[in-house]
Every structure is written in structure tokens, then in C-alpha cells.
PDB file of N, CA and C in Angstrom:
ATOM      1  N   UNK A   1      12.506 -77.605 -56.092  1.00  0.00           N
ATOM      2  CA  UNK A   1      12.669 -75.996 -56.373  1.00  0.00           C
ATOM      3  C   UNK A   1      12.376 -75.412 -55.303  1.00  0.00           C
ATOM      4  N   UNK A   2      13.532 -74.442 -54.095  1.00  0.00           N
ATOM      5  CA  UNK A   2      12.605 -73.746 -53.663  1.00  0.00           C
ATOM      6  C   UNK A   2      12.752 -72.268 -53.625  1.00  0.00           C
ATOM      7  N   UNK A   3      13.609 -71.922 -54.532  1.00  0.00           N
ATOM      8  CA  UNK A   3      13.318 -70.226 -54.958  1.00  0.00           C
ATOM      9  C   UNK A   3      12.648 -70.146 -56.069  1.00  0.00           C
ATOM     10  N   UNK A   4      12.046 -69.368 -56.250  1.00  0.00           N
ATOM     11  CA  UNK A   4      11.262 -69.004 -57.396  1.00  0.00           C
ATOM     12  C   UNK A   4      11.804 -69.066 -58.862  1.00  0.00           C
ATOM     13  N   UNK A   5      11.752 -69.289 -59.988  1.00  0.00           N
ATOM     14  CA  UNK A   5      11.926 -69.113 -61.284  1.00  0.00           C
ATOM     15  C   UNK A   5      12.294 -67.485 -61.269  1.00  0.00           C
ATOM     16  N   UNK A   6      13.206 -66.905 -61.527  1.00  0.00           N
ATOM     17  CA  UNK A   6      12.494 -65.422 -61.669  1.00  0.00           C
ATOM     18  C   UNK A   6      12.458 -64.840 -63.434  1.00  0.00           C
ATOM     19  N   UNK A   7      10.491 -64.925 -63.710  1.00  0.00           N
ATOM     20  CA  UNK A   7      10.442 -64.722 -64.963  1.00  0.00           C
ATOM     21  C   UNK A   7      10.753 -63.768 -65.727  1.00  0.00           C
ATOM     22  N   UNK A   8      10.922 -62.588 -65.050  1.00  0.00           N
ATOM     23  CA  UNK A   8      11.900 -61.184 -65.848  1.00  0.00           C
ATOM     24  C   UNK A   8      11.598 -60.221 -64.799  1.00  0.00           C
ATOM     25  N   UNK A   9      13.242 -59.786 -64.950  1.00  0.00           N
ATOM     26  CA  UNK A   9      13.056 -58.408 -63.825  1.00  0.00           C
ATOM     27  C   UNK A   9      12.266 -57.018 -63.944  1.00  0.00           C
ATOM     28  N   UNK A  10      11.236 -57.441 -64.344  1.00  0.00           N
ATOM     29  CA  UNK A  10      10.439 -55.926 -64.006  1.00  0.00           C
ATOM     30  C   UNK A  10       9.184 -56.474 -64.142  1.00  0.00           C
ATOM     31  N   UNK A  11       8.281 -55.436 -63.421  1.00  0.00           N
ATOM     32  CA  UNK A  11       6.576 -55.659 -63.120  1.00  0.00           C
ATOM     33  C   UNK A  11       5.910 -56.162 -64.456  1.00  0.00           C
ATOM     34  N   UNK A  12       4.446 -56.636 -64.519  1.00  0.00           N
ATOM     35  CA  UNK A  12       3.852 -56.283 -65.529  1.00  0.00           C
ATOM     36  C   UNK A  12       2.222 -56.703 -65.268  1.00  0.00           C
ATOM     37  N   UNK A  13       2.335 -54.949 -66.544  1.00  0.00           N
ATOM     38  CA  UNK A  13       0.763 -54.637 -66.080  1.00  0.00           C
ATOM     39  C   UNK A  13      -0.505 -55.007 -66.644  1.00  0.00           C
ATOM     40  N   UNK A  14      -1.187 -55.084 -65.694  1.00  0.00           N
ATOM     41  CA  UNK A  14      -2.544 -55.975 -66.219  1.00  0.00           C
ATOM     42  C   UNK A  14      -3.350 -55.572 -65.723  1.00  0.00           C
ATOM     43  N   UNK A  15      -4.585 -55.033 -66.891  1.00  0.00           N
ATOM     44  CA  UNK A  15      -5.645 -54.588 -66.613  1.00  0.00           C
ATOM     45  C   UNK A  15      -6.458 -54.958 -65.288  1.00  0.00           C
ATOM     46  N   UNK A  16      -6.703 -54.810 -64.365  1.00  0.00           N
ATOM     47  CA  UNK A  16      -7.608 -55.798 -63.017  1.00  0.00           C
ATOM     48  C   UNK A  16      -9.075 -55.070 -63.043  1.00  0.00           C
ATOM     49  N   UNK A  17     -10.318 -56.252 -63.007  1.00  0.00           N
ATOM     50  CA  UNK A  17     -11.524 -55.426 -62.302  1.00  0.00           C
ATOM     51  C   UNK A  17     -11.767 -55.745 -60.533  1.00  0.00           C
ATOM     52  N   UNK A  18     -12.494 -54.576 -60.381  1.00  0.00           N
ATOM     53  CA  UNK A  18     -12.853 -54.664 -59.304  1.00  0.00           C
ATOM     54  C   UNK A  18     -13.333 -55.982 -58.384  1.00  0.00           C
ATOM     55  N   UNK A  19     -12.901 -56.780 -57.550  1.00  0.00           N
ATOM     56  CA  UNK A  19     -14.005 -57.543 -57.087  1.00  0.00           C
ATOM     57  C   UNK A  19     -13.713 -59.096 -57.546  1.00  0.00           C
ATOM     58  N   UNK A  20     -12.999 -59.119 -58.221  1.00  0.00           N
ATOM     59  CA  UNK A  20     -12.483 -60.496 -59.222  1.00  0.00           C
ATOM     60  C   UNK A  20     -11.165 -60.664 -58.574  1.00  0.00           C
ATOM     61  N   UNK A  21     -11.443 -62.275 -58.626  1.00  0.00           N
ATOM     62  CA  UNK A  21      -9.562 -63.140 -58.310  1.00  0.00           C
ATOM     63  C   UNK A  21      -9.089 -63.371 -59.014  1.00  0.00           C
ATOM     64  N   UNK A  22      -7.808 -62.843 -59.019  1.00  0.00           N
ATOM     65  CA  UNK A  22      -6.616 -63.633 -59.836  1.00  0.00           C
ATOM     66  C   UNK A  22      -5.676 -64.137 -59.242  1.00  0.00           C
ATOM     67  N   UNK A  23      -5.114 -65.323 -59.836  1.00  0.00           N
ATOM     68  CA  UNK A  23      -4.505 -66.996 -59.286  1.00  0.00           C
ATOM     69  C   UNK A  23      -2.708 -65.964 -59.905  1.00  0.00           C
ATOM     70  N   UNK A  24      -2.055 -65.267 -59.160  1.00  0.00           N
ATOM     71  CA  UNK A  24      -0.924 -64.732 -59.367  1.00  0.00           C
ATOM     72  C   UNK A  24      -0.193 -66.035 -59.297  1.00  0.00           C
ATOM     73  N   UNK A  25       0.915 -66.127 -60.273  1.00  0.00           N
ATOM     74  CA  UNK A  25       1.949 -67.628 -60.479  1.00  0.00           C
ATOM     75  C   UNK A  25       3.052 -67.206 -59.073  1.00  0.00           C
ATOM     76  N   UNK A  26       3.676 -67.765 -57.969  1.00  0.00           N
ATOM     77  CA  UNK A  26       4.652 -67.702 -57.207  1.00  0.00           C
ATOM     78  C   UNK A  26       5.442 -68.352 -57.997  1.00  0.00           C
ATOM     79  N   UNK A  27       5.696 -69.523 -58.319  1.00  0.00           N
ATOM     80  CA  UNK A  27       6.890 -70.509 -58.872  1.00  0.00           C
ATOM     81  C   UNK A  27       7.897 -69.903 -59.934  1.00  0.00           C
ATOM     82  N   UNK A  28       6.861 -69.156 -60.630  1.00  0.00           N
ATOM     83  CA  UNK A  28       8.025 -68.621 -61.733  1.00  0.00           C
ATOM     84  C   UNK A  28       7.876 -69.215 -63.288  1.00  0.00           C
ATOM     85  N   UNK A  29       7.488 -70.290 -63.217  1.00  0.00           N
ATOM     86  CA  UNK A  29       7.460 -71.473 -64.426  1.00  0.00           C
ATOM     87  C   UNK A  29       6.006 -70.591 -65.473  1.00  0.00           C
ATOM     88  N   UNK A  30       5.008 -70.146 -65.223  1.00  0.00           N
ATOM     89  CA  UNK A  30       4.023 -69.896 -65.862  1.00  0.00           C
ATOM     90  C   UNK A  30       4.348 -69.554 -67.335  1.00  0.00           C
ATOM     91  N   UNK A  31       3.589 -69.984 -68.224  1.00  0.00           N
ATOM     92  CA  UNK A  31       4.159 -69.085 -69.566  1.00  0.00           C
ATOM     93  C   UNK A  31       2.498 -68.201 -69.658  1.00  0.00           C
ATOM     94  N   UNK A  32       1.749 -67.856 -68.571  1.00  0.00           N
ATOM     95  CA  UNK A  32       0.763 -67.098 -68.654  1.00  0.00           C
ATOM     96  C   UNK A  32       1.068 -66.141 -67.843  1.00  0.00           C
ATOM     97  N   UNK A  33       2.333 -65.533 -67.302  1.00  0.00           N
ATOM     98  CA  UNK A  33       3.181 -64.810 -66.277  1.00  0.00           C
ATOM     99  C   UNK A  33       1.632 -63.622 -66.950  1.00  0.00           C
ATOM    100  N   UNK A  34       1.782 -62.373 -65.379  1.00  0.00           N
ATOM    101  CA  UNK A  34       2.418 -63.220 -64.254  1.00  0.00           C
ATOM    102  C   UNK A  34       0.698 -63.733 -63.654  1.00  0.00           C
ATOM    103  N   UNK A  35       0.544 -64.901 -64.188  1.00  0.00           N
ATOM    104  CA  UNK A  35      -1.051 -65.281 -63.670  1.00  0.00           C
ATOM    105  C   UNK A  35      -0.778 -67.300 -63.770  1.00  0.00           C
ATOM    106  N   UNK A  36      -0.764 -68.040 -63.191  1.00  0.00           N
ATOM    107  CA  UNK A  36      -0.697 -69.029 -62.705  1.00  0.00           C
ATOM    108  C   UNK A  36      -1.614 -70.158 -64.163  1.00  0.00           C
ATOM    109  N   UNK A  37      -0.584 -70.766 -64.619  1.00  0.00           N
ATOM    110  CA  UNK A  37      -1.419 -71.834 -65.742  1.00  0.00           C
ATOM    111  C   UNK A  37      -0.697 -73.563 -65.049  1.00  0.00           C
ATOM    112  N   UNK A  38      -0.584 -73.413 -63.735  1.00  0.00           N
ATOM    113  CA  UNK A  38      -0.323 -74.821 -63.136  1.00  0.00           C
ATOM    114  C   UNK A  38       0.932 -75.382 -63.558  1.00  0.00           C
ATOM    115  N   UNK A  39       1.752 -74.879 -63.827  1.00  0.00           N
ATOM    116  CA  UNK A  39       3.308 -74.857 -63.812  1.00  0.00           C
ATOM    117  C   UNK A  39       3.799 -75.895 -62.878  1.00  0.00           C
ATOM    118  N   UNK A  40       3.442 -75.458 -61.743  1.00  0.00           N
ATOM    119  CA  UNK A  40       3.847 -75.414 -60.127  1.00  0.00           C
ATOM    120  C   UNK A  40       3.589 -76.725 -59.839  1.00  0.00           C
ATOM    121  N   UNK A  41       2.641 -77.529 -60.521  1.00  0.00           N
ATOM    122  CA  UNK A  41       2.580 -78.613 -59.591  1.00  0.00           C
ATOM    123  C   UNK A  41       3.756 -79.769 -60.009  1.00  0.00           C
ATOM    124  N   UNK A  42       3.616 -80.656 -58.751  1.00  0.00           N
ATOM    125  CA  UNK A  42       4.886 -81.602 -58.667  1.00  0.00           C
ATOM    126  C   UNK A  42       5.753 -80.304 -57.636  1.00  0.00           C
ATOM    127  N   UNK A  43       5.292 -79.206 -57.583  1.00  0.00           N
ATOM    128  CA  UNK A  43       6.560 -78.603 -56.653  1.00  0.00           C
ATOM    129  C   UNK A  43       5.860 -78.231 -55.366  1.00  0.00           C
ATOM    130  N   UNK A  44       7.016 -77.447 -54.174  1.00  0.00           N
ATOM    131  CA  UNK A  44       6.029 -76.624 -53.371  1.00  0.00           C
ATOM    132  C   UNK A  44       5.284 -75.253 -53.330  1.00  0.00           C
ATOM    133  N   UNK A  45       4.943 -75.028 -54.486  1.00  0.00           N
ATOM    134  CA  UNK A  45       4.462 -73.521 -55.034  1.00  0.00           C
ATOM    135  C   UNK A  45       2.890 -73.846 -55.412  1.00  0.00           C
ATOM    136  N   UNK A  46       2.590 -72.718 -54.548  1.00  0.00           N
ATOM    137  CA  UNK A  46       0.973 -72.819 -54.806  1.00  0.00           C
ATOM    138  C   UNK A  46       0.782 -71.521 -55.386  1.00  0.00           C
ATOM    139  N   UNK A  47      -0.269 -71.280 -56.172  1.00  0.00           N
ATOM    140  CA  UNK A  47      -0.640 -69.713 -56.850  1.00  0.00           C
ATOM    141  C   UNK A  47      -1.508 -68.827 -55.114  1.00  0.00           C
ATOM    142  N   UNK A  48      -1.322 -68.009 -55.908  1.00  0.00           N
ATOM    143  CA  UNK A  48      -1.525 -66.710 -54.391  1.00  0.00           C
ATOM    144  C   UNK A  48      -2.774 -66.106 -55.226  1.00  0.00           C
ATOM    145  N   UNK A  49      -3.957 -66.848 -54.529  1.00  0.00           N
ATOM    146  CA  UNK A  49      -5.242 -65.934 -54.934  1.00  0.00           C
ATOM    147  C   UNK A  49      -4.877 -64.350 -54.455  1.00  0.00           C
ATOM    148  N   UNK A  50      -5.680 -63.247 -54.969  1.00  0.00           N
ATOM    149  CA  UNK A  50      -5.722 -61.711 -54.744  1.00  0.00           C
ATOM    150  C   UNK A  50      -6.497 -61.527 -55.589  1.00  0.00           C
ATOM    151  N   UNK A  51      -7.779 -60.798 -55.024  1.00  0.00           N
ATOM    152  CA  UNK A  51      -9.006 -60.347 -55.028  1.00  0.00           C
ATOM    153  C   UNK A  51      -8.326 -58.450 -55.369  1.00  0.00           C
ATOM    154  N   UNK A  52      -8.901 -58.224 -56.676  1.00  0.00           N
ATOM    155  CA  UNK A  52      -8.552 -56.800 -57.045  1.00  0.00           C
ATOM    156  C   UNK A  52      -9.536 -55.761 -56.481  1.00  0.00           C
ATOM    157  N   UNK A  53      -8.951 -54.565 -55.579  1.00  0.00           N
ATOM    158  CA  UNK A  53      -9.745 -53.957 -54.698  1.00  0.00           C
ATOM    159  C   UNK A  53     -10.512 -52.289 -55.536  1.00  0.00           C
ATOM    160  N   UNK A  54      -9.851 -52.520 -56.509  1.00  0.00           N
ATOM    161  CA  UNK A  54     -10.422 -51.206 -57.651  1.00  0.00           C
ATOM    162  C   UNK A  54     -10.055 -52.206 -59.077  1.00  0.00           C
ATOM    163  N   UNK A  55     -11.048 -51.678 -59.955  1.00  0.00           N
ATOM    164  CA  UNK A  55     -10.824 -51.661 -61.649  1.00  0.00           C
ATOM    165  C   UNK A  55      -9.747 -50.768 -61.933  1.00  0.00           C
ATOM    166  N   UNK A  56      -8.614 -51.054 -62.489  1.00  0.00           N
ATOM    167  CA  UNK A  56      -7.409 -50.042 -62.440  1.00  0.00           C
ATOM    168  C   UNK A  56      -6.267 -51.204 -63.115  1.00  0.00           C
ATOM    169  N   UNK A  57      -5.503 -50.815 -63.837  1.00  0.00           N
ATOM    170  CA  UNK A  57      -3.997 -51.318 -64.320  1.00  0.00           C
ATOM    171  C   UNK A  57      -3.061 -51.516 -63.034  1.00  0.00           C
ATOM    172  N   UNK A  58      -2.679 -53.463 -62.974  1.00  0.00           N
ATOM    173  CA  UNK A  58      -2.081 -53.343 -61.337  1.00  0.00           C
ATOM    174  C   UNK A  58      -0.734 -53.823 -62.150  1.00  0.00           C
ATOM    175  N   UNK A  59       0.435 -53.071 -61.606  1.00  0.00           N
ATOM    176  CA  UNK A  59       1.883 -53.616 -61.838  1.00  0.00           C
ATOM    177  C   UNK A  59       1.857 -55.096 -61.249  1.00  0.00           C
ATOM    178  N   UNK A  60       1.841 -56.263 -61.337  1.00  0.00           N
ATOM    179  CA  UNK A  60       2.039 -57.272 -60.486  1.00  0.00           C
ATOM    180  C   UNK A  60       3.643 -57.955 -60.934  1.00  0.00           C
ATOM    181  N   UNK A  61       4.719 -58.270 -59.740  1.00  0.00           N
ATOM    182  CA  UNK A  61       5.899 -58.645 -59.841  1.00  0.00           C
ATOM    183  C   UNK A  61       5.883 -60.017 -60.751  1.00  0.00           C
ATOM    184  N   UNK A  62       7.050 -59.910 -61.742  1.00  0.00           N
ATOM    185  CA  UNK A  62       7.267 -61.237 -62.175  1.00  0.00           C
ATOM    186  C   UNK A  62       8.573 -61.406 -62.163  1.00  0.00           C
ATOM    187  N   UNK A  63       9.019 -60.678 -60.959  1.00  0.00           N
ATOM    188  CA  UNK A  63      10.588 -61.655 -60.549  1.00  0.00           C
ATOM    189  C   UNK A  63      10.557 -62.668 -59.566  1.00  0.00           C
ATOM    190  N   UNK A  64       9.132 -62.567 -58.473  1.00  0.00           N
ATOM    191  CA  UNK A  64       8.677 -63.497 -57.847  1.00  0.00           C
ATOM    192  C   UNK A  64       9.290 -62.924 -56.076  1.00  0.00           C
ATOM    193  N   UNK A  65       9.724 -61.801 -55.872  1.00  0.00           N
ATOM    194  CA  UNK A  65      10.514 -61.836 -54.722  1.00  0.00           C
ATOM    195  C   UNK A  65       9.814 -60.540 -54.279  1.00  0.00           C
ATOM    196  N   UNK A  66       9.127 -60.024 -54.346  1.00  0.00           N
ATOM    197  CA  UNK A  66       8.331 -58.808 -54.033  1.00  0.00           C
ATOM    198  C   UNK A  66       8.051 -59.233 -52.503  1.00  0.00           C
ATOM    199  N   UNK A  67       7.901 -58.126 -51.938  1.00  0.00           N
ATOM    200  CA  UNK A  67       7.393 -58.327 -50.163  1.00  0.00           C
ATOM    201  C   UNK A  67       6.040 -57.936 -49.999  1.00  0.00           C
ATOM    202  N   UNK A  68       5.623 -57.808 -51.393  1.00  0.00           N
ATOM    203  CA  UNK A  68       3.708 -57.374 -51.304  1.00  0.00           C
ATOM    204  C   UNK A  68       2.777 -57.841 -52.731  1.00  0.00           C
ATOM    205  N   UNK A  69       3.240 -58.720 -52.597  1.00  0.00           N
ATOM    206  CA  UNK A  69       2.532 -59.671 -53.208  1.00  0.00           C
ATOM    207  C   UNK A  69       0.829 -59.612 -53.282  1.00  0.00           C
ATOM    208  N   UNK A  70       0.464 -59.933 -54.873  1.00  0.00           N
ATOM    209  CA  UNK A  70       1.195 -59.312 -55.657  1.00  0.00           C
ATOM    210  C   UNK A  70       2.128 -58.669 -56.598  1.00  0.00           C
ATOM    211  N   UNK A  71       1.687 -57.150 -55.505  1.00  0.00           N
ATOM    212  CA  UNK A  71       2.071 -56.236 -56.828  1.00  0.00           C
ATOM    213  C   UNK A  71       3.660 -56.047 -56.320  1.00  0.00           C
ATOM    214  N   UNK A  72       4.467 -55.265 -57.258  1.00  0.00           N
ATOM    215  CA  UNK A  72       5.619 -55.308 -57.402  1.00  0.00           C
ATOM    216  C   UNK A  72       6.146 -54.120 -56.443  1.00  0.00           C
ATOM    217  N   UNK A  73       7.184 -54.437 -56.141  1.00  0.00           N
ATOM    218  CA  UNK A  73       7.427 -53.257 -54.451  1.00  0.00           C
ATOM    219  C   UNK A  73       9.263 -52.802 -55.249  1.00  0.00           C
ATOM    220  N   UNK A  74       9.773 -53.591 -56.345  1.00  0.00           N
ATOM    221  CA  UNK A  74      10.845 -52.783 -56.894  1.00  0.00           C
ATOM    222  C   UNK A  74      11.995 -53.378 -56.155  1.00  0.00           C
ATOM    223  N   UNK A  75      11.843 -55.167 -55.812  1.00  0.00           N
ATOM    224  CA  UNK A  75      12.439 -56.012 -55.294  1.00  0.00           C
ATOM    225  C   UNK A  75      13.717 -56.524 -57.135  1.00  0.00           C
ATOM    226  N   UNK A  76      13.003 -56.422 -57.791  1.00  0.00           N
ATOM    227  CA  UNK A  76      13.631 -56.832 -59.063  1.00  0.00           C
ATOM    228  C   UNK A  76      15.004 -56.133 -59.263  1.00  0.00           C
ATOM    229  N   UNK A  77      15.054 -54.991 -58.490  1.00  0.00           N
ATOM    230  CA  UNK A  77      16.122 -54.145 -59.127  1.00  0.00           C
ATOM    231  C   UNK A  77      17.627 -54.261 -58.333  1.00  0.00           C
ATOM    232  N   UNK A  78      17.675 -55.465 -57.008  1.00  0.00           N
ATOM    233  CA  UNK A  78      18.595 -55.602 -56.332  1.00  0.00           C
ATOM    234  C   UNK A  78      18.940 -56.919 -56.599  1.00  0.00           C
ATOM    235  N   UNK A  79      18.353 -58.001 -58.238  1.00  0.00           N
ATOM    236  CA  UNK A  79      18.219 -59.190 -58.480  1.00  0.00           C
ATOM    237  C   UNK A  79      19.401 -59.090 -59.895  1.00  0.00           C
TER     238      UNK A  79
END
């Protein structure tokens, strides 16, 4: 698998805590979207570690085509 699976064509809102590290799914196969559940095993994908800079609701990419990973940049609109 060289292209990620498109989990959905809209971002997923996630309440994050400042200083906490989250592991964003890059393959698109995780059942715990937008976070990794290990579904990437035996593929070329690895999760992206991201530490939240502040406590807030973050909108994480679910189409896996963002240029601002793990945050949504609207790339899903062109898919």
C-alpha cells in the first residue's frame, strides 16, 4: 500500500491537552480514527507523533492527504 486509505472526507474533531502526545494514523485503516490502533503493521506506514501545543479542540485530517499533518488543511475537498 503506497497511498493511504481515505477514512473520511472531512476532519475529525478531537479534544487535545497541551503537552500530551497523540499518534495520528497515517495509513487510514485505524478503527480509532484519527488516532493509530496499529492497523498499519506490515505496511510502509507508521503513525505520526504529534504533541498538542495547547488544550483545545483540534481538527485532525481523516483523508490522510493534508500538507499540515496531522491537522486538516482542506485537502479532502479536492479528492
